[in-house]
C-alpha atoms as a PDB file:
ATOM      1  CA  UNK A   1      42.490  79.255 264.623  1.00  0.00           C
ATOM      2  CA  UNK A   2      44.965  79.069 261.748  1.00  0.00           C
ATOM      3  CA  UNK A   3      48.627  79.095 262.617  1.00  0.00           C
ATOM      4  CA  UNK A   4      51.387  80.446 260.427  1.00  0.00           C
ATOM      5  CA  UNK A   5      53.724  77.489 260.690  1.00  0.00           C
ATOM      6  CA  UNK A   6      56.443  79.262 258.698  1.00  0.00           C
ATOM      7  CA  UNK A   7      56.668  82.059 261.254  1.00  0.00           C
ATOM      8  CA  UNK A   8      56.633  79.594 264.144  1.00  0.00           C
ATOM      9  CA  UNK A   9      59.396  77.628 262.425  1.00  0.00           C
ATOM     10  CA  UNK A  10      61.549  80.755 262.003  1.00  0.00           C
ATOM     11  CA  UNK A  11      61.002  81.711 265.640  1.00  0.00           C
ATOM     12  CA  UNK A  12      62.177  78.229 266.654  1.00  0.00           C
ATOM     13  CA  UNK A  13      65.269  78.542 264.457  1.00  0.00           C
ATOM     14  CA  UNK A  14      66.147  81.934 265.961  1.00  0.00           C
ATOM     15  CA  UNK A  15      65.727  80.497 269.467  1.00  0.00           C
ATOM     16  CA  UNK A  16      67.974  77.548 268.533  1.00  0.00           C
ATOM     17  CA  UNK A  17      70.678  79.887 267.191  1.00  0.00           C
ATOM     18  CA  UNK A  18      70.560  81.897 270.421  1.00  0.00           C
ATOM     19  CA  UNK A  19      70.877  78.595 272.301  1.00  0.00           C
ATOM     20  CA  UNK A  20      74.054  77.779 270.369  1.00  0.00           C
ATOM     21  CA  UNK A  21      75.497  81.170 271.310  1.00  0.00           C
ATOM     22  CA  UNK A  22      74.635  80.492 274.960  1.00  0.00           C
ATOM     23  CA  UNK A  23      76.283  77.074 274.682  1.00  0.00           C
ATOM     24  CA  UNK A  24      79.487  78.625 273.322  1.00  0.00           C
ATOM     25  CA  UNK A  25      79.467  80.950 276.335  1.00  0.00           C
ATOM     26  CA  UNK A  26      78.904  77.938 278.625  1.00  0.00           C
ATOM     27  CA  UNK A  27      75.535  79.242 279.769  1.00  0.00           C
ATOM     28  CA  UNK A  28      73.250  76.395 280.888  1.00  0.00           C
ATOM     29  CA  UNK A  29      70.205  78.322 279.676  1.00  0.00           C
ATOM     30  CA  UNK A  30      71.048  76.963 276.231  1.00  0.00           C
ATOM     31  CA  UNK A  31      69.339  73.707 277.179  1.00  0.00           C
ATOM     32  CA  UNK A  32      66.063  75.438 278.051  1.00  0.00           C
ATOM     33  CA  UNK A  33      66.166  77.374 274.790  1.00  0.00           C
ATOM     34  CA  UNK A  34      66.879  74.212 272.806  1.00  0.00           C
ATOM     35  CA  UNK A  35      63.914  72.507 274.475  1.00  0.00           C
ATOM     36  CA  UNK A  36      61.649  75.423 273.542  1.00  0.00           C
ATOM     37  CA  UNK A  37      62.911  75.357 269.947  1.00  0.00           C
ATOM     38  CA  UNK A  38      62.443  71.584 269.756  1.00  0.00           C
ATOM     39  CA  UNK A  39      58.872  71.763 271.066  1.00  0.00           C
ATOM     40  CA  UNK A  40      58.007  74.471 268.542  1.00  0.00           C
ATOM     41  CA  UNK A  41      59.520  72.456 265.708  1.00  0.00           C
ATOM     42  CA  UNK A  42      57.715  69.312 266.848  1.00  0.00           C
ATOM     43  CA  UNK A  43      54.434  71.223 266.666  1.00  0.00           C
ATOM     44  CA  UNK A  44      55.320  72.595 263.222  1.00  0.00           C
ATOM     45  CA  UNK A  45      56.237  69.129 261.966  1.00  0.00           C
ATOM     46  CA  UNK A  46      53.247  67.407 263.532  1.00  0.00           C
ATOM     47  CA  UNK A  47      50.489  69.857 262.654  1.00  0.00           C
ATOM     48  CA  UNK A  48      51.941  72.034 259.901  1.00  0.00           C
ATOM     49  CA  UNK A  49      54.220  70.137 257.548  1.00  0.00           C
ATOM     50  CA  UNK A  50      53.377  66.580 258.666  1.00  0.00           C
ATOM     51  CA  UNK A  51      57.092  65.788 258.470  1.00  0.00           C
ATOM     52  CA  UNK A  52      57.261  62.963 260.968  1.00  0.00           C
ATOM     53  CA  UNK A  53      60.947  62.255 260.370  1.00  0.00           C
ATOM     54  CA  UNK A  54      61.871  65.809 261.433  1.00  0.00           C
ATOM     55  CA  UNK A  55      59.458  65.556 264.337  1.00  0.00           C
ATOM     56  CA  UNK A  56      61.197  62.360 265.479  1.00  0.00           C
ATOM     57  CA  UNK A  57      64.590  64.029 265.142  1.00  0.00           C
ATOM     58  CA  UNK A  58      63.459  66.892 267.390  1.00  0.00           C
ATOM     59  CA  UNK A  59      62.172  64.440 269.973  1.00  0.00           C
ATOM     60  CA  UNK A  60      65.623  62.798 269.955  1.00  0.00           C
ATOM     61  CA  UNK A  61      67.222  66.262 270.294  1.00  0.00           C
ATOM     62  CA  UNK A  62      65.090  66.854 273.390  1.00  0.00           C
ATOM     63  CA  UNK A  63      66.532  63.677 274.890  1.00  0.00           C
ATOM     64  CA  UNK A  64      70.078  64.770 274.053  1.00  0.00           C
ATOM     65  CA  UNK A  65      69.382  68.184 275.594  1.00  0.00           C
ATOM     66  CA  UNK A  66      68.233  66.569 278.818  1.00  0.00           C
ATOM     67  CA  UNK A  67      71.346  64.350 278.896  1.00  0.00           C
ATOM     68  CA  UNK A  68      73.580  67.351 278.219  1.00  0.00           C
ATOM     69  CA  UNK A  69      71.998  69.385 280.984  1.00  0.00           C
ATOM     70  CA  UNK A  70      72.348  66.500 283.449  1.00  0.00           C
ATOM     71  CA  UNK A  71      76.017  66.040 282.462  1.00  0.00           C
ATOM     72  CA  UNK A  72      76.776  69.736 282.921  1.00  0.00           C
ATOM     73  CA  UNK A  73      75.016  69.683 286.278  1.00  0.00           C
ATOM     74  CA  UNK A  74      76.949  66.591 287.394  1.00  0.00           C
ATOM     75  CA  UNK A  75      80.240  68.179 286.311  1.00  0.00           C
ATOM     76  CA  UNK A  76      79.378  71.383 288.189  1.00  0.00           C
ATOM     77  CA  UNK A  77      78.589  69.424 291.365  1.00  0.00           C
ATOM     78  CA  UNK A  78      81.852  67.502 291.058  1.00  0.00           C
ATOM     79  CA  UNK A  79      83.770  70.770 290.538  1.00  0.00           C
ATOM     80  CA  UNK A  80      82.080  72.228 293.626  1.00  0.00           C
ATOM     81  CA  UNK A  81      83.122  69.157 295.641  1.00  0.00           C
ATOM     82  CA  UNK A  82      86.722  69.545 294.478  1.00  0.00           C
ATOM     83  CA  UNK A  83      86.767  73.221 295.366  1.00  0.00           C
ATOM     84  CA  UNK A  84      85.347  72.481 298.805  1.00  0.00           C
ATOM     85  CA  UNK A  85      88.145  70.059 299.746  1.00  0.00           C
END
């Protein structure tokens, strides 16, 4: 099966832009969307363009996304503890 890597790349970019909008609105779903975009771009870079530098960058972004989500979650839990006192 042949994939149209250009279309997949554009879909990933659109998802990433939506994730930024969610982030501005402080919606934690941005992290899930960024992960989806990163996975799609990793696949594009690995199998389509063979751009291993961009693939590596997207793997790093996935790590940052996970750290960001954990930080937001920790901050939310701390805020809940403060509100409960």
